[in-house]
Each structure stands twice: as structure tokens, then as C-alpha cells.
Amino acid sequence: MTAAATDTGIDADTLRIVVADDERMVRTALCVILNAEPGMEVVGEATTGVEALSVTRALRPDIVLMDVRMPEADGIRATERILATMDDPPRVIVVTTFENDSYVYDALRAGASGFLLKRAGADELVDAVRLVARSDSLLFPAAVRALAAAHATERTTRAEADRLRARLSEREAEVLRLMAEGLSNAEIAERLFLGAATVKTYVAGVLAKLGVRDRTQAVVRAYETGFVSPR
């Protein structure tokens, strides 16, 4: 049975993972690393975007590692379909060669919870999967800010920022700004002199009011509306 994914993370003893990549050597390396890690199990593999959707629907993993460029349907389209057609869908981490690729930002806008470079080491891979599963901080916040600066600012208007601000309480707005800085729930709690449970409640409120599934999507929305300015 697949564990539930919520704003506070995935509640699971073993993270069930699907690896989707059309390069066999990359796919094999990812599987070996993840299967060797306690508390992680690769339950399925895919070589195309279409196959990634089919395998994910059938196996219902907690996490999908999704190559951003694959035959038949790329990782962006596959991510969109997974999130749009599945109840309680998995978290998706897109895997890419270049962090400044516009495909990466499009994948985040499509609903991916983060991205990972193909040249990442084994420890970095494992840490990224655990962080996304835990969902209490942003994966590679500096890179997300850089992508936002390159791709989001031209679409922003003052009216959009005002509309987003009007949905949030003053405290929720403050929490969203700190989320965009890359602070974890624990760091936000320390900065605002709040309890960890209180911060989780505020984060959940931000996600609900913005109509997004996780903090990555909330941060992308904050940048795209101009509520937060990349710097």
C-alpha cells in the first residue's frame, strides 16, 4: 500500500520509487544506489514518458525520478498527466543534465517537487529523495530562484502579486517568503519564534489557499506572480 503524501511529508517505512530514464546506464546506476539505501526500494522502471505514466499508475510509488527528456512523451508531459489523473499522486523529481534548462522550470510549473542533476553523487541523490519525501524544505532553493529569475519575471504583474497577497494572512505571507528563501519548517519556526507544529499549520494554509500540492509549487507561484522577487 502506498503511503499518503501530505504537506508534512510521506508517512512510510520504505519509500517506493519508480525510475524513468531512457538511458539504460543512468537508469541502472540510479536503481543500484537507491536499492542499496535502507528504507528505499525501486519498484519499477520506465524508458519513455508514456511508460512512466503507465508504470506509475500501476505501481503507485511514493516518488518518481523522471528524466526530463524522453521519447514518446517528455518528463514534463508525463509529470502533468501523473498529477492530473491519479488520486494521491507520487512526488516527482525531474532528473536533468543542466540546472538552467528551461525544461526544468517547465517541469516545476507542471508540478514536479524538485529536480536533480544527472552528475549528482550518490549521497546527493539519496538526500534529495529523502528531502522531497519529507517535504519540509525546498530542494536546491538557490537554483529555483535562479530559474525563476530567468523564466518568471517577464510574466509578472503588480495585480497578480496583490491578488496572491490578499488570499493570505499576514503571517502566512511571511511564511511563504521564508519558504521561498529555502528555509525549512524548523528554520522558519526559529526565525519567527513559533512552534514547529504552528509552522506546519501555516504552511498547510498557504498550500490550500494557493491551490497547490507542495511547497515547491507554492514558491514557483510566489515568484511567477511577483509576490517574491528573485535576487
Foldseek 3Di string as FASTA:
>chain_A
DAFFQALQFTDAQAFEEEEEAQDPVLSVVLQVLQCVDGRYHHPYYHNALVRQLVVCVVPVTQEYEAAQQGPPDGRQVSLLCQVVPDDRHHAYEYEYADLLDLSQVSSLLSAHQYYYYSPDDSVLSVVVVVCSRSQQWHDPLLSLLVNLQVPAPVQADPVLLVVLVVLADPVLLVLLQVRSVTDGLVRVCVVVVHDSVVSSVSLNSLCVSVVGGGSSNSNSSCSNHVNDDRD
